[in-house]
Protein backbone atom coordinates (compact mmCIF):
# COMPACT_ATOMS: atom_id res chain seq x y z
CA MET A 1 -62.40 74.93 64.85
CA HIS A 2 -61.53 77.77 67.17
CA THR A 3 -61.30 81.28 65.91
CA SER A 4 -59.25 84.20 67.06
CA ASP A 5 -60.71 87.04 69.05
CA GLN A 6 -59.49 89.40 66.33
CA PRO A 7 -62.07 91.01 64.04
CA GLU A 8 -63.15 88.53 61.41
CA GLN A 9 -62.81 90.95 58.52
CA SER A 10 -61.54 94.46 57.87
CA PRO A 11 -64.18 96.94 56.71
CA ASN A 12 -65.20 96.60 53.05
CA LEU A 13 -62.71 93.83 52.21
CA ILE A 14 -64.01 90.64 50.54
CA ARG A 15 -63.14 87.07 51.59
CA GLY A 16 -62.54 85.69 48.10
CA ILE A 17 -59.34 83.58 48.25
CA GLY A 18 -59.39 79.87 49.13
CA LEU A 19 -56.57 77.40 49.81
CA GLY A 20 -55.75 76.94 46.12
CA GLY A 21 -55.46 80.65 45.41
CA ALA A 22 -53.54 81.28 48.64
CA THR A 23 -51.01 78.52 47.91
CA ALA A 24 -50.64 79.76 44.33
CA LEU A 25 -49.95 83.32 45.54
CA ASN A 26 -47.33 82.07 47.97
CA MET A 27 -45.59 79.89 45.38
CA ILE A 28 -45.38 82.55 42.67
CA ASP A 29 -44.02 84.96 45.28
CA MET A 30 -41.43 82.44 46.54
CA ILE A 31 -40.15 81.28 43.17
CA GLY A 32 -40.04 84.53 41.24
CA VAL A 33 -36.68 85.14 39.60
CA GLY A 34 -34.67 84.18 42.71
CA PRO A 35 -33.67 80.56 42.02
CA PHE A 36 -32.85 81.39 38.41
CA ILE A 37 -30.21 83.96 39.37
CA THR A 38 -28.89 82.53 42.65
CA MET A 39 -28.05 78.96 41.64
CA PRO A 40 -24.47 79.88 40.60
CA LEU A 41 -23.98 81.67 43.93
CA VAL A 42 -25.07 78.62 45.93
CA VAL A 43 -22.87 76.26 43.90
CA ALA A 44 -19.91 78.64 44.23
CA ALA A 45 -20.40 78.91 48.01
CA MET A 46 -20.21 75.12 48.44
CA GLY A 47 -17.69 74.56 45.64
CA GLY A 48 -19.50 71.74 43.89
CA PRO A 49 -22.70 69.68 43.55
CA GLN A 50 -22.84 69.34 47.34
CA ALA A 51 -24.51 72.74 47.05
CA LEU A 52 -27.78 70.82 47.17
CA LEU A 53 -27.20 70.71 50.94
CA GLY A 54 -27.61 74.48 50.99
CA TRP A 55 -31.08 74.18 49.50
CA ILE A 56 -32.01 71.43 51.97
CA VAL A 57 -30.83 73.39 55.03
CA GLY A 58 -32.51 76.50 53.64
CA ALA A 59 -35.77 74.53 53.37
CA VAL A 60 -35.48 73.39 57.00
CA LEU A 61 -35.04 76.99 58.15
CA ALA A 62 -37.92 78.08 55.93
CA ILE A 63 -40.17 75.49 57.56
CA CYS A 64 -39.14 76.75 61.02
CA ASP A 65 -39.99 80.30 59.98
CA GLY A 66 -43.17 79.07 58.31
CA LEU A 67 -44.34 77.49 61.57
CA VAL A 68 -43.99 80.88 63.27
CA TRP A 69 -46.08 82.53 60.56
CA ALA A 70 -48.61 79.68 60.57
CA GLU A 71 -49.33 79.94 64.30
CA LEU A 72 -49.50 83.73 64.34
CA GLY A 73 -51.47 83.97 61.11
CA ALA A 74 -54.07 81.41 62.19
CA ALA A 75 -54.48 83.04 65.61
CA MET A 76 -54.72 86.60 64.28
CA PRO A 77 -56.11 86.44 60.74
CA GLY A 78 -56.40 90.06 59.68
CA ALA A 79 -55.16 92.35 56.94
CA GLY A 80 -51.63 93.49 57.74
CA GLY A 81 -49.79 90.32 58.75
CA SER A 82 -46.70 91.14 60.82
CA TYR A 83 -48.04 94.57 61.72
CA VAL A 84 -51.02 92.98 63.50
CA TYR A 85 -48.93 90.22 65.09
CA LEU A 86 -46.31 92.54 66.58
CA ARG A 87 -48.95 94.91 67.90
CA GLU A 88 -50.78 92.11 69.71
CA ILE A 89 -47.66 90.22 70.86
CA TYR A 90 -46.05 93.18 72.59
CA GLY A 91 -49.35 94.71 73.70
CA PRO A 92 -51.76 97.03 71.84
CA LYS A 93 -50.40 99.93 73.90
CA ARG A 94 -46.93 101.26 74.63
CA LEU A 95 -44.33 98.66 73.56
CA GLY A 96 -46.66 96.91 71.12
CA LYS A 97 -47.68 100.15 69.51
CA LEU A 98 -44.03 101.24 69.27
CA VAL A 99 -42.88 97.92 67.77
CA SER A 100 -45.70 97.84 65.23
CA PHE A 101 -45.03 101.51 64.41
CA LEU A 102 -41.35 100.74 63.75
CA PHE A 103 -42.35 97.73 61.67
CA ILE A 104 -44.65 99.69 59.41
CA TRP A 105 -41.95 102.28 58.80
CA GLN A 106 -39.29 99.68 57.99
CA LEU A 107 -41.82 98.04 55.67
CA SER A 108 -42.10 101.36 53.87
CA PHE A 109 -38.58 100.54 52.65
CA SER A 110 -38.30 96.74 52.72
CA ALA A 111 -41.54 96.05 50.83
CA PRO A 112 -40.63 98.28 47.85
CA LEU A 113 -37.12 96.79 47.90
CA SER A 114 -38.58 93.30 47.66
CA ILE A 115 -40.84 94.31 44.78
CA ALA A 116 -38.01 96.10 43.01
CA SER A 117 -35.77 93.01 43.26
CA GLY A 118 -38.30 90.99 41.26
CA ALA A 119 -38.78 93.75 38.71
CA ILE A 120 -35.04 94.25 38.23
CA GLY A 121 -34.57 90.49 37.94
CA PHE A 122 -37.19 90.46 35.19
CA ALA A 123 -35.38 93.21 33.34
CA LYS A 124 -31.99 91.55 33.74
CA TYR A 125 -33.24 88.27 32.28
CA THR A 126 -34.83 90.18 29.40
CA ALA A 127 -31.32 91.38 28.54
CA TYR A 128 -30.57 87.82 27.39
CA LEU A 129 -32.95 88.49 24.48
CA LEU A 130 -32.19 92.21 24.14
CA PRO A 131 -28.53 92.78 25.17
CA ASN A 132 -28.71 96.52 24.51
CA LEU A 133 -30.92 96.89 27.58
CA GLU A 134 -27.79 96.49 29.73
CA THR A 135 -26.34 99.75 28.38
CA GLN A 136 -25.76 102.12 31.32
CA TYR A 137 -26.32 105.85 30.96
CA ALA A 138 -25.30 106.85 34.49
CA ALA A 139 -24.24 105.15 37.73
CA ARG A 140 -22.88 105.89 41.20
CA GLN A 141 -21.99 103.79 44.26
CA TRP A 142 -21.16 104.41 47.93
CA SER A 143 -20.68 102.36 51.12
CA LEU A 144 -22.76 102.49 54.31
CA GLN A 145 -21.50 101.06 57.63
CA VAL A 146 -24.16 98.89 59.33
CA PRO A 147 -23.63 98.05 63.05
CA LEU A 148 -22.81 94.34 63.61
CA LEU A 149 -23.07 93.58 59.90
CA GLY A 150 -20.25 95.66 58.45
CA PRO A 151 -20.24 97.72 55.23
CA LEU A 152 -23.32 97.74 53.02
CA LYS A 153 -22.72 98.85 49.43
CA LEU A 154 -25.39 101.01 47.84
CA GLY A 155 -25.66 102.82 44.57
CA TRP A 156 -27.92 103.79 41.71
CA VAL A 157 -27.86 103.09 38.00
CA VAL A 158 -29.76 104.33 34.97
CA ALA A 159 -29.97 101.78 32.16
CA GLY A 160 -32.49 100.30 29.76
CA THR A 161 -33.21 97.61 32.33
CA THR A 162 -34.10 100.32 34.85
CA PHE A 163 -36.96 101.65 32.75
CA LEU A 164 -38.18 98.16 31.93
CA ALA A 165 -38.26 97.29 35.64
CA ILE A 166 -40.33 100.41 36.32
CA GLY A 167 -42.73 99.38 33.57
CA ILE A 168 -43.15 95.94 35.14
CA VAL A 169 -44.14 97.44 38.50
CA LEU A 170 -46.64 99.68 36.71
CA LEU A 171 -48.13 96.70 34.87
CA ALA A 172 -48.57 94.80 38.14
CA MET A 173 -50.36 97.80 39.64
CA LEU A 174 -52.74 98.00 36.68
CA LEU A 175 -53.60 94.30 36.92
CA LEU A 176 -54.21 94.62 40.66
CA TYR A 177 -56.56 97.57 40.25
CA ARG A 178 -59.65 95.34 40.47
CA ARG A 179 -61.69 93.14 42.82
CA ILE A 180 -59.87 90.48 44.85
CA THR A 181 -62.01 87.70 43.32
CA GLN A 182 -60.63 88.54 39.87
CA ILE A 183 -57.10 88.69 41.26
CA GLY A 184 -57.44 85.12 42.56
CA ARG A 185 -58.06 83.95 38.98
CA ILE A 186 -55.07 85.91 37.67
CA SER A 187 -52.82 84.40 40.35
CA LYS A 188 -53.84 80.88 39.33
CA LEU A 189 -53.05 81.65 35.67
CA LEU A 190 -49.61 82.99 36.61
CA TRP A 191 -49.10 79.92 38.82
CA VAL A 192 -49.66 77.69 35.78
CA VAL A 193 -46.89 79.52 33.87
CA VAL A 194 -44.53 79.33 36.86
CA MET A 195 -45.14 75.60 37.28
CA ALA A 196 -44.80 74.98 33.53
CA THR A 197 -41.39 76.68 33.57
CA ILE A 198 -40.12 74.61 36.49
CA VAL A 199 -41.57 71.33 35.17
CA TRP A 200 -40.05 71.87 31.72
CA ILE A 201 -36.62 72.54 33.22
CA ILE A 202 -36.88 69.45 35.42
CA PHE A 203 -38.13 67.27 32.55
CA ALA A 204 -35.41 68.49 30.18
CA GLY A 205 -32.71 67.91 32.77
CA LEU A 206 -33.83 64.48 33.92
CA THR A 207 -34.30 63.17 30.37
CA HIS A 208 -30.75 64.30 29.52
CA PHE A 209 -29.33 63.55 32.94
CA ASN A 210 -25.69 62.52 33.36
CA SER A 211 -25.22 61.17 36.88
CA ALA A 212 -21.42 61.21 36.59
CA ARG A 213 -21.54 64.93 35.84
CA ALA A 214 -24.17 65.71 38.47
CA PHE A 215 -22.32 63.95 41.28
CA SER A 216 -18.73 64.77 40.37
CA PHE A 217 -17.86 65.94 43.87
CA PRO A 218 -14.45 67.59 44.32
CA PRO A 219 -11.95 66.03 46.76
CA GLY A 220 -12.87 66.73 50.36
CA ALA A 221 -16.37 67.90 49.44
CA PHE A 222 -17.80 66.52 52.67
CA SER A 223 -14.85 67.15 54.98
CA LEU A 224 -16.47 68.75 58.00
CA ASP A 225 -13.84 71.47 58.35
CA LYS A 226 -14.33 75.22 58.71
CA ASN A 227 -14.42 75.75 54.94
CA PHE A 228 -17.32 73.31 54.66
CA TRP A 229 -19.32 75.04 57.39
CA PHE A 230 -18.57 78.54 56.10
CA GLY A 231 -19.60 77.44 52.61
CA LEU A 232 -22.76 75.80 53.89
CA GLY A 233 -23.65 78.95 55.84
CA ALA A 234 -23.17 81.17 52.80
CA ALA A 235 -25.15 78.79 50.58
CA MET A 236 -27.91 78.56 53.17
CA LEU A 237 -28.29 82.35 53.36
CA VAL A 238 -28.65 82.66 49.60
CA ALA A 239 -31.08 79.74 49.49
CA THR A 240 -33.10 81.21 52.35
CA TYR A 241 -33.72 84.32 50.24
CA ASP A 242 -35.27 82.05 47.60
CA TYR A 243 -37.72 80.62 50.14
CA TRP A 244 -38.96 84.04 51.24
CA GLY A 245 -42.59 84.65 50.36
CA ALA A 246 -44.26 81.68 52.02
CA TYR A 247 -45.73 84.21 54.44
CA ASN A 248 -47.24 86.44 51.75
CA VAL A 249 -50.73 85.04 52.31
CA CYS A 250 -50.60 86.20 55.96
CA PHE A 251 -50.89 89.81 54.80
CA LEU A 252 -54.23 88.93 53.17
CA GLY A 253 -55.86 87.45 56.28
CA SER A 254 -59.01 89.55 55.90
CA GLU A 255 -59.51 88.38 52.31
CA LEU A 256 -59.09 84.62 52.86
CA LYS A 257 -61.82 82.05 53.23
CA ASP A 258 -61.55 80.26 56.61
CA PRO A 259 -58.16 81.90 57.41
CA GLY A 260 -57.58 79.83 60.56
CA ARG A 261 -57.20 76.74 58.37
CA THR A 262 -56.10 78.31 55.09
CA ILE A 263 -53.08 80.26 56.40
CA PRO A 264 -51.11 77.40 58.04
CA ARG A 265 -51.94 74.99 55.23
CA ALA A 266 -50.96 77.43 52.48
CA VAL A 267 -47.73 78.46 54.25
CA LEU A 268 -46.43 74.96 54.94
CA LEU A 269 -47.70 73.40 51.70
CA SER A 270 -46.03 76.08 49.58
CA ILE A 271 -42.67 75.63 51.38
CA LEU A 272 -42.69 71.84 50.91
CA LEU A 273 -43.71 72.05 47.25
CA VAL A 274 -41.19 74.76 46.40
CA ALA A 275 -38.37 72.97 48.26
CA GLY A 276 -39.00 69.81 46.21
CA LEU A 277 -39.07 71.80 42.98
CA TYR A 278 -35.83 73.64 43.82
CA LEU A 279 -33.97 70.41 44.55
CA LEU A 280 -35.15 68.73 41.35
CA MET A 281 -34.47 71.84 39.27
CA ASN A 282 -30.91 72.28 40.52
CA LEU A 283 -30.15 68.58 40.22
CA SER A 284 -31.46 68.64 36.65
CA VAL A 285 -29.16 71.50 35.67
CA LEU A 286 -26.10 69.96 37.34
CA GLY A 287 -26.73 66.79 35.35
CA VAL A 288 -26.39 68.73 32.09
CA VAL A 289 -24.08 71.69 32.81
CA ASP A 290 -20.81 70.93 34.59
CA TRP A 291 -20.66 72.60 38.00
CA HIS A 292 -17.37 74.29 37.10
CA GLU A 293 -19.22 76.13 34.30
CA VAL A 294 -22.01 77.08 36.69
CA ILE A 295 -19.50 78.65 39.10
CA ALA A 296 -17.76 80.44 36.23
CA ALA A 297 -21.12 81.83 35.11
CA GLY A 298 -21.68 83.16 38.62
CA GLY A 299 -18.51 85.21 38.37
CA SER A 300 -19.36 86.73 35.01
CA ASN A 301 -21.87 89.24 33.71
CA ASN A 302 -23.93 86.34 32.37
CA LYS A 303 -24.75 84.79 35.74
CA LEU A 304 -28.46 85.38 35.19
CA TYR A 305 -28.53 83.21 32.10
CA VAL A 306 -27.52 79.79 33.46
CA PHE A 307 -30.92 78.28 32.73
CA SER A 308 -30.98 79.77 29.25
CA THR A 309 -27.58 78.20 28.59
CA PHE A 310 -28.90 74.93 30.02
CA MET A 311 -31.82 74.86 27.57
CA GLN A 312 -29.66 75.93 24.65
CA ARG A 313 -27.35 72.99 25.31
CA ILE A 314 -30.24 70.52 25.21
CA TYR A 315 -32.63 71.83 22.55
CA GLY A 316 -30.96 74.81 20.91
CA SER A 317 -31.49 78.56 20.77
CA TRP A 318 -35.28 78.39 20.37
CA ALA A 319 -35.60 76.63 23.73
CA ALA A 320 -33.18 79.06 25.38
CA ASN A 321 -35.27 81.99 24.17
CA LEU A 322 -38.54 80.34 25.22
CA VAL A 323 -37.36 79.45 28.73
CA THR A 324 -36.04 83.00 29.11
CA ILE A 325 -39.51 84.35 28.35
CA MET A 326 -41.05 81.88 30.79
CA VAL A 327 -38.60 82.95 33.51
CA MET A 328 -39.58 86.55 32.80
CA VAL A 329 -43.24 85.67 33.36
CA THR A 330 -42.22 83.90 36.57
CA ALA A 331 -40.43 87.04 37.76
CA PHE A 332 -43.46 89.15 36.92
CA ALA A 333 -45.71 86.76 38.85
CA SER A 334 -43.57 87.39 41.93
CA VAL A 335 -43.86 91.16 41.52
CA PHE A 336 -47.63 90.80 41.13
CA SER A 337 -47.93 88.73 44.31
CA LEU A 338 -45.67 91.03 46.35
CA VAL A 339 -47.50 94.22 45.40
CA LEU A 340 -50.81 92.55 46.29
CA GLY A 341 -49.71 91.30 49.71
CA TYR A 342 -47.71 94.29 50.91
CA SER A 343 -50.32 96.85 49.86
CA ARG A 344 -52.56 95.59 52.69
CA VAL A 345 -50.09 96.39 55.49
CA PRO A 346 -50.17 100.23 55.37
CA TYR A 347 -53.95 99.90 55.09
CA ALA A 348 -54.13 97.93 58.35
CA ALA A 349 -51.80 100.38 60.11
CA ALA A 350 -53.83 103.35 58.91
CA LEU A 351 -57.02 101.79 60.31
CA ASP A 352 -55.25 101.70 63.70
CA GLY A 353 -54.19 105.32 63.43
CA ASN A 354 -50.55 104.23 63.28
CA TYR A 355 -49.96 105.45 59.73
CA PHE A 356 -51.24 108.19 57.42
CA LYS A 357 -55.06 108.16 57.38
CA ILE A 358 -55.22 108.36 53.61
CA PHE A 359 -53.89 104.78 53.39
CA ALA A 360 -57.09 103.48 55.04
CA ARG A 361 -59.15 104.47 52.01
CA VAL A 362 -60.83 101.65 50.10
CA HIS A 363 -61.81 101.92 46.44
CA PRO A 364 -65.57 102.66 46.32
CA VAL A 365 -66.22 100.21 43.47
CA TYR A 366 -63.52 97.52 43.58
CA GLN A 367 -63.21 97.48 47.38
CA PHE A 368 -59.44 97.27 47.85
CA PRO A 369 -56.94 99.69 49.48
CA HIS A 370 -56.11 101.62 46.32
CA VAL A 371 -54.13 104.46 47.93
CA SER A 372 -51.82 101.96 49.63
CA LEU A 373 -51.39 100.09 46.34
CA LEU A 374 -50.48 103.23 44.38
CA ALA A 375 -48.04 104.51 47.02
CA LEU A 376 -46.28 101.15 47.32
CA GLY A 377 -45.93 100.88 43.57
CA GLY A 378 -44.56 104.40 43.32
CA VAL A 379 -41.79 103.83 45.89
CA SER A 380 -40.97 100.47 44.27
CA MET A 381 -40.40 102.25 40.97
CA LEU A 382 -37.87 104.55 42.64
CA PHE A 383 -35.94 101.56 44.02
CA CYS A 384 -35.67 100.15 40.49
CA PHE A 385 -32.80 102.63 40.03
CA PHE A 386 -30.69 100.59 42.51
CA PRO A 387 -28.48 97.68 41.33
CA LEU A 388 -30.00 94.24 42.00
CA ALA A 389 -27.24 93.12 44.40
CA ASP A 390 -27.65 96.29 46.49
CA VAL A 391 -31.42 95.85 46.62
CA ILE A 392 -31.12 92.27 47.89
CA SER A 393 -28.44 93.20 50.46
CA ALA A 394 -30.47 96.09 51.87
CA LEU A 395 -33.60 93.94 51.94
CA VAL A 396 -31.93 91.12 53.90
CA VAL A 397 -30.43 93.50 56.48
CA ILE A 398 -33.67 95.40 57.11
CA ARG A 399 -35.93 92.35 57.12
CA ILE A 400 -33.82 90.22 59.49
CA LEU A 401 -33.10 93.00 61.99
CA LEU A 402 -36.58 94.51 62.21
CA GLN A 403 -39.06 91.75 61.44
CA PHE A 404 -38.06 88.10 61.58
CA ILE A 405 -36.20 88.24 64.92
CA LEU A 406 -38.97 90.21 66.66
CA GLN A 407 -41.57 87.82 65.29
CA ALA A 408 -39.72 84.60 66.18
CA VAL A 409 -39.25 85.82 69.75
CA GLY A 410 -42.79 87.13 69.70
CA VAL A 411 -44.47 83.77 69.16
CA ILE A 412 -42.93 82.60 72.46
CA VAL A 413 -43.88 85.84 74.22
CA LEU A 414 -47.47 85.46 73.01
CA ARG A 415 -47.69 81.89 74.37
CA ILE A 416 -46.72 83.30 77.79
CA ARG A 417 -48.78 86.50 77.71
CA ARG A 418 -51.89 85.08 76.02
CA PRO A 419 -52.19 81.36 76.84
CA ASP A 420 -55.97 81.65 76.43
CA LEU A 421 -55.77 82.98 72.85
CA PRO A 422 -57.54 80.53 70.49
CA ARG A 423 -54.91 78.97 68.22
CA PRO A 424 -56.36 77.00 65.28
CA PHE A 425 -52.77 75.90 64.54
CA ARG A 426 -49.96 75.33 67.03
CA MET A 427 -46.29 75.24 66.10
CA TRP A 428 -44.82 71.76 65.89
CA LEU A 429 -41.98 70.99 68.34
CA TYR A 430 -42.54 74.32 70.12
CA PRO A 431 -40.37 76.35 70.83
CA LEU A 432 -37.54 74.81 68.77
CA PRO A 433 -38.56 76.25 65.34
CA ALA A 434 -38.75 79.79 66.77
CA ILE A 435 -35.32 79.44 68.39
CA LEU A 436 -33.76 78.19 65.15
């Protein structure tokens, strides 16, 4: 097995995560609260059960993106992920330093936004059990014009859910304030809860499955006209958001065992497993809850509670309450994984002198970048004051413009600039996945 010419390990960090822990971290990051709140949006975009196509196309795009991460992560396995890749792709001096500098500054916003989205989702689902949490005490909204993408709505809100979301970020920080070997065990425990939630939903749906209801396609559902393609595009974009996170393990390259093998395996395995779970989960719900009701839920204030309604219809209120709690744990698991992964990026940049030096500090006892962790958590708490839809919109815009495009192009640039670079994993069907 070839190894990269990058440093094997960042100073003072411990290689304590194997393939199982890495895959678990990816999966709990990917699943989170996303699929539980976006299903009505995907079904509404396609206008019926054919919405499953959106999840399938989203999975294909996720695999293409995953292949980019797999090649780069295996070739340059260090703490920092994209920061390290962009610096090396575009050269450690001049352009590369500028690109990686811009990346770390955009991550100062996009990473806390991503964490806040999971925390707010947790709080929103909790409102199913405690409706008074939705009470708003203050709110404001404004519109920002984004070049090429049009208006982006932003605002802030103060509600009971806001303070709960802040508390969830704080809890994740407290649990992460320890050695990485202990964190690996926590991630596996959270993974068990996440998988139990998904498996129960799938089991409940398939054992009460009504094929006539699940496949009651509307007239012209598969007419390949402009409405079909627009709907598929909208569904695909929402579904793609739910596949984000398969790259989380790349930010922990300096804390993985045998990263050249672990990174590509964990990235691709987590995408395939999560894609299968999403398809089965959505099919299970559509076999119990009529798709017209799912779309109606998406247009109401109760759009977050589709899966609670699904369980209530099958087993009653006790099951609805229990699955709500399990979804809350799933959302927390995502926050936990995100805070862990992203806290290593400012650390890597600080080691390079491309970010504030204080972020390079490592805890003297637990040996993790504690300053980076605390700062990331603090900014994430501030973003919990933003509405969930605004957080997701801002996250998508920033992430696509300033990370994914540069990285997809970058994997091709690196093949040209550094053909001699050892690559433990090479992208399948190169360069097609990067182009897609």
